[in-house]
């Protein structure tokens, strides 16, 4: 790496770490760009070369964190033997666990980043697409196993799971002292609801099928009639 590129990378990292520290300590509203520049030991004009505004600065902070969490999430869901609900839950659990360690920072990210403009918006969009693709892989595996038979396309089903997670995470992190296990457990219930559906018909059909299967197993089959010659009738 050339000296100029190395210097740019070092300044970027100093700015990212400064923003991470100040957002964590003081929150979004109380942190100014001037504060971040001072903490990073760069001029305010230099800071503007690395982030268009304060919101863009949050993307600079969170893009790296989100990629790290996504890599952990992918590792947690490599097993294709897991039921769909548990696999989806395992994918999102690392995000809850990380955000519970720094709720103030998580609130900034979840409550502000609804669109992907700015200098770091393209990277943010790529990360979201990577998450969507991974969820599509998980859903497709469940379809191939016959675990679910959705009427919608794979990408829509995957997006629906993501939207459940996104909305639930915002609701969870907005509470006082959010606990990761509580958020994960609530997400589990919503995912189960999505997979099982609201209608009692699916459960009733499943129950009837189980009853018939048990009855069939318990009732001995009648012996086949024999002809007068002793051979089986055809």
Protein backbone atom coordinates (compact mmCIF):
# COMPACT_ATOMS: atom_id res chain seq x y z
CA UNK A 1 0.00 0.00 0.00
CA UNK A 2 1.36 3.42 -0.94
CA UNK A 3 2.06 5.99 1.77
CA UNK A 4 -0.83 8.23 0.71
CA UNK A 5 -3.33 5.38 0.71
CA UNK A 6 -2.06 4.17 4.06
CA UNK A 7 -2.47 7.64 5.55
CA UNK A 8 -6.04 7.85 4.23
CA UNK A 9 -6.85 4.45 5.69
CA UNK A 10 -5.39 5.46 9.06
CA UNK A 11 -7.40 8.70 9.13
CA UNK A 12 -10.56 6.84 8.19
CA UNK A 13 -10.02 4.36 11.01
CA UNK A 14 -9.31 7.15 13.53
CA UNK A 15 -12.52 8.89 12.50
CA UNK A 16 -14.49 5.64 12.72
CA UNK A 17 -13.15 4.84 16.19
CA UNK A 18 -13.74 8.41 17.39
CA UNK A 19 -17.35 8.34 16.20
CA UNK A 20 -17.87 4.91 17.76
CA UNK A 21 -16.56 6.16 21.10
CA UNK A 22 -18.51 9.42 21.19
CA UNK A 23 -21.79 7.96 19.94
CA UNK A 24 -21.49 5.25 22.61
CA UNK A 25 -20.72 7.72 25.39
CA UNK A 26 -22.93 10.68 24.52
CA UNK A 27 -25.51 9.48 22.00
CA UNK A 28 -26.30 10.74 18.53
CA UNK A 29 -27.83 14.13 19.26
CA UNK A 30 -25.16 15.23 21.74
CA UNK A 31 -22.26 14.30 19.44
CA UNK A 32 -21.21 16.86 16.84
CA UNK A 33 -18.99 16.48 13.81
CA UNK A 34 -16.59 18.91 15.45
CA UNK A 35 -16.40 16.62 18.49
CA UNK A 36 -15.56 13.66 16.28
CA UNK A 37 -12.92 15.62 14.36
CA UNK A 38 -11.32 16.71 17.62
CA UNK A 39 -11.34 13.18 19.02
CA UNK A 40 -9.85 11.80 15.78
CA UNK A 41 -7.21 14.56 15.65
CA UNK A 42 -8.23 15.71 12.18
CA UNK A 43 -9.53 19.01 10.84
CA UNK A 44 -13.27 19.42 10.39
CA UNK A 45 -12.71 19.85 6.66
CA UNK A 46 -10.77 16.59 6.58
CA UNK A 47 -13.65 14.82 8.32
CA UNK A 48 -16.00 15.95 5.55
CA UNK A 49 -13.89 13.95 3.08
CA UNK A 50 -14.79 10.74 4.94
CA UNK A 51 -18.44 11.34 5.84
CA UNK A 52 -21.02 13.60 4.21
CA UNK A 53 -22.88 14.28 7.47
CA UNK A 54 -23.47 12.82 10.90
CA UNK A 55 -25.85 10.18 9.64
CA UNK A 56 -23.28 9.10 7.07
CA UNK A 57 -20.84 8.84 9.95
CA UNK A 58 -23.08 6.23 11.58
CA UNK A 59 -22.81 4.13 8.42
CA UNK A 60 -19.03 4.42 8.55
CA UNK A 61 -19.20 3.04 12.10
CA UNK A 62 -21.79 0.34 11.51
CA UNK A 63 -20.86 -1.03 8.11
CA UNK A 64 -17.82 -2.76 9.55
CA UNK A 65 -19.70 -3.98 12.63
CA UNK A 66 -22.56 -5.33 10.52
CA UNK A 67 -20.22 -7.25 8.23
CA UNK A 68 -18.57 -8.85 11.27
CA UNK A 69 -21.96 -9.82 12.71
CA UNK A 70 -23.10 -11.22 9.36
CA UNK A 71 -20.02 -13.45 9.13
CA UNK A 72 -20.79 -14.83 12.59
CA UNK A 73 -24.44 -15.31 11.62
CA UNK A 74 -23.49 -17.27 8.49
CA UNK A 75 -21.24 -19.54 10.55
CA UNK A 76 -24.12 -20.17 12.96
CA UNK A 77 -26.42 -21.32 10.16
CA UNK A 78 -24.21 -23.55 8.04
CA UNK A 79 -25.99 -26.71 9.21
CA UNK A 80 -28.81 -27.51 6.80
CA UNK A 81 -30.34 -29.96 9.26
CA UNK A 82 -31.74 -27.19 11.45
CA UNK A 83 -35.49 -26.49 11.21
CA UNK A 84 -36.29 -23.28 9.36
CA UNK A 85 -37.43 -21.34 12.42
CA UNK A 86 -34.35 -22.19 14.47
CA UNK A 87 -32.04 -21.48 11.56
CA UNK A 88 -33.56 -18.05 10.97
CA UNK A 89 -33.31 -17.36 14.69
CA UNK A 90 -29.66 -18.48 14.79
CA UNK A 91 -28.92 -16.07 11.94
CA UNK A 92 -30.31 -13.05 13.78
CA UNK A 93 -29.19 -13.96 17.32
CA UNK A 94 -25.63 -12.52 16.96
CA UNK A 95 -27.10 -9.10 16.14
CA UNK A 96 -29.20 -9.12 19.31
CA UNK A 97 -26.22 -10.21 21.39
CA UNK A 98 -23.99 -7.49 19.98
CA UNK A 99 -26.59 -4.74 20.29
CA UNK A 100 -27.40 -5.71 23.89
CA UNK A 101 -23.77 -4.91 24.76
CA UNK A 102 -24.18 -1.32 23.55
CA UNK A 103 -27.89 -0.39 23.39
CA UNK A 104 -27.22 3.31 22.91
CA UNK A 105 -25.17 2.65 19.79
CA UNK A 106 -27.70 0.11 18.53
CA UNK A 107 -30.54 2.61 18.92
CA UNK A 108 -28.65 5.11 16.79
CA UNK A 109 -28.22 2.62 13.99
CA UNK A 110 -31.70 1.09 14.10
CA UNK A 111 -33.59 4.36 14.46
CA UNK A 112 -31.68 6.49 11.95
CA UNK A 113 -30.65 4.31 9.03
CA UNK A 114 -33.78 3.95 6.93
CA UNK A 115 -32.16 4.94 3.64
CA UNK A 116 -28.74 4.35 2.12
CA UNK A 117 -27.52 7.70 0.82
CA UNK A 118 -24.19 9.37 1.56
CA UNK A 119 -20.63 8.26 0.98
CA UNK A 120 -21.10 4.95 2.77
CA UNK A 121 -24.60 4.19 1.53
CA UNK A 122 -23.46 1.91 -1.29
CA UNK A 123 -21.52 -0.29 1.13
CA UNK A 124 -24.55 -0.38 3.43
CA UNK A 125 -26.74 -1.46 0.50
CA UNK A 126 -24.30 -4.24 -0.42
CA UNK A 127 -24.37 -5.52 3.14
CA UNK A 128 -28.18 -5.54 3.22
CA UNK A 129 -28.25 -7.44 -0.06
CA UNK A 130 -25.78 -9.98 1.31
CA UNK A 131 -28.04 -10.52 4.32
CA UNK A 132 -31.04 -10.91 2.02
CA UNK A 133 -29.21 -13.49 -0.12
CA UNK A 134 -28.28 -15.53 2.93
CA UNK A 135 -31.88 -15.55 4.13
CA UNK A 136 -32.98 -16.63 0.65
CA UNK A 137 -30.55 -19.57 0.82
CA UNK A 138 -32.03 -20.61 4.17
CA UNK A 139 -35.60 -20.35 2.87
CA UNK A 140 -34.72 -22.22 -0.32
CA UNK A 141 -33.23 -25.08 1.72
CA UNK A 142 -36.46 -25.33 3.72
CA UNK A 143 -38.50 -25.42 0.50
CA UNK A 144 -36.30 -28.14 -0.99
CA UNK A 145 -36.72 -30.22 2.16
CA UNK A 146 -40.49 -29.83 1.94
CA UNK A 147 -40.59 -28.04 5.28
CA UNK A 148 -42.59 -25.14 3.82
CA UNK A 149 -44.58 -24.60 0.62
CA UNK A 150 -44.99 -20.84 0.30
CA UNK A 151 -47.24 -19.29 -2.30
CA UNK A 152 -44.81 -16.38 -2.66
CA UNK A 153 -41.34 -16.28 -4.17
CA UNK A 154 -38.26 -17.13 -2.13
CA UNK A 155 -37.01 -13.54 -2.05
CA UNK A 156 -40.35 -12.23 -0.74
CA UNK A 157 -40.45 -14.87 2.01
CA UNK A 158 -36.87 -14.02 2.99
CA UNK A 159 -37.66 -10.31 3.00
CA UNK A 160 -40.65 -10.94 5.24
CA UNK A 161 -38.45 -12.67 7.81
CA UNK A 162 -36.01 -9.76 7.65
CA UNK A 163 -38.79 -7.21 8.17
CA UNK A 164 -40.03 -9.16 11.19
CA UNK A 165 -36.51 -9.05 12.61
CA UNK A 166 -36.01 -5.37 11.77
CA UNK A 167 -39.26 -4.20 13.36
CA UNK A 168 -38.87 -6.45 16.40
CA UNK A 169 -35.28 -5.34 16.99
CA UNK A 170 -36.30 -1.67 16.94
CA UNK A 171 -39.09 -2.34 19.41
CA UNK A 172 -36.79 -4.40 21.66
CA UNK A 173 -33.83 -2.01 21.71
CA UNK A 174 -36.12 0.91 22.56
CA UNK A 175 -36.80 -0.54 26.00
CA UNK A 176 -34.80 0.04 29.17
CA UNK A 177 -31.79 -2.28 29.50
CA UNK A 178 -32.67 -4.62 26.61
CA UNK A 179 -31.67 -8.23 27.29
CA UNK A 180 -30.56 -10.27 24.28
CA UNK A 181 -32.28 -13.49 25.40
CA UNK A 182 -35.61 -11.72 25.82
CA UNK A 183 -35.41 -10.17 22.38
CA UNK A 184 -34.41 -13.47 20.80
CA UNK A 185 -37.24 -15.31 22.56
CA UNK A 186 -39.82 -12.80 21.33
CA UNK A 187 -38.44 -13.03 17.81
CA UNK A 188 -38.73 -16.83 18.06
CA UNK A 189 -42.45 -16.51 18.79
CA UNK A 190 -43.01 -14.21 15.81
CA UNK A 191 -41.04 -16.46 13.47
CA UNK A 192 -43.02 -19.48 14.66
CA UNK A 193 -46.23 -17.53 14.08
CA UNK A 194 -45.12 -16.71 10.56
CA UNK A 195 -44.25 -20.32 9.73
CA UNK A 196 -47.34 -21.88 11.33
CA UNK A 197 -49.76 -19.19 10.19
CA UNK A 198 -52.75 -17.69 11.94
CA UNK A 199 -55.35 -20.13 10.63
CA UNK A 200 -56.23 -23.16 12.80
CA UNK A 201 -56.83 -25.24 9.67
CA UNK A 202 -53.19 -26.22 9.24
CA UNK A 203 -52.95 -27.40 12.83
CA UNK A 204 -56.27 -29.26 12.55
CA UNK A 205 -55.20 -30.96 9.33
CA UNK A 206 -51.92 -32.01 10.91
CA UNK A 207 -53.75 -33.36 13.96
CA UNK A 208 -56.16 -35.38 11.80
CA UNK A 209 -53.26 -36.82 9.81
CA UNK A 210 -51.49 -37.86 13.00
CA UNK A 211 -54.68 -39.45 14.33
CA UNK A 212 -55.19 -41.45 11.13
CA UNK A 213 -51.57 -42.56 11.16
CA UNK A 214 -51.82 -43.76 14.76
CA UNK A 215 -55.11 -45.54 14.06
CA UNK A 216 -53.61 -47.27 11.06
CA UNK A 217 -50.61 -48.41 13.05
CA UNK A 218 -52.77 -49.71 15.93
CA UNK A 219 -55.30 -51.66 13.79
CA UNK A 220 -53.99 -55.04 12.54
CA UNK A 221 -54.52 -55.65 8.86
CA UNK A 222 -56.95 -58.42 7.90
CA UNK A 223 -55.33 -61.53 6.42
CA UNK A 224 -55.84 -61.92 2.71
CA UNK A 225 -58.48 -64.44 1.67
CA UNK A 226 -57.34 -67.69 0.24
CA UNK A 227 -58.95 -69.68 -2.53
CA UNK A 228 -59.95 -73.29 -2.14
CA UNK A 229 -56.60 -74.28 -3.61
CA UNK A 230 -54.74 -72.37 -0.88
CA UNK A 231 -53.37 -69.72 -3.23
CA UNK A 232 -53.92 -66.02 -2.71
CA UNK A 233 -56.82 -64.59 -4.64
CA UNK A 234 -55.68 -62.25 -7.38
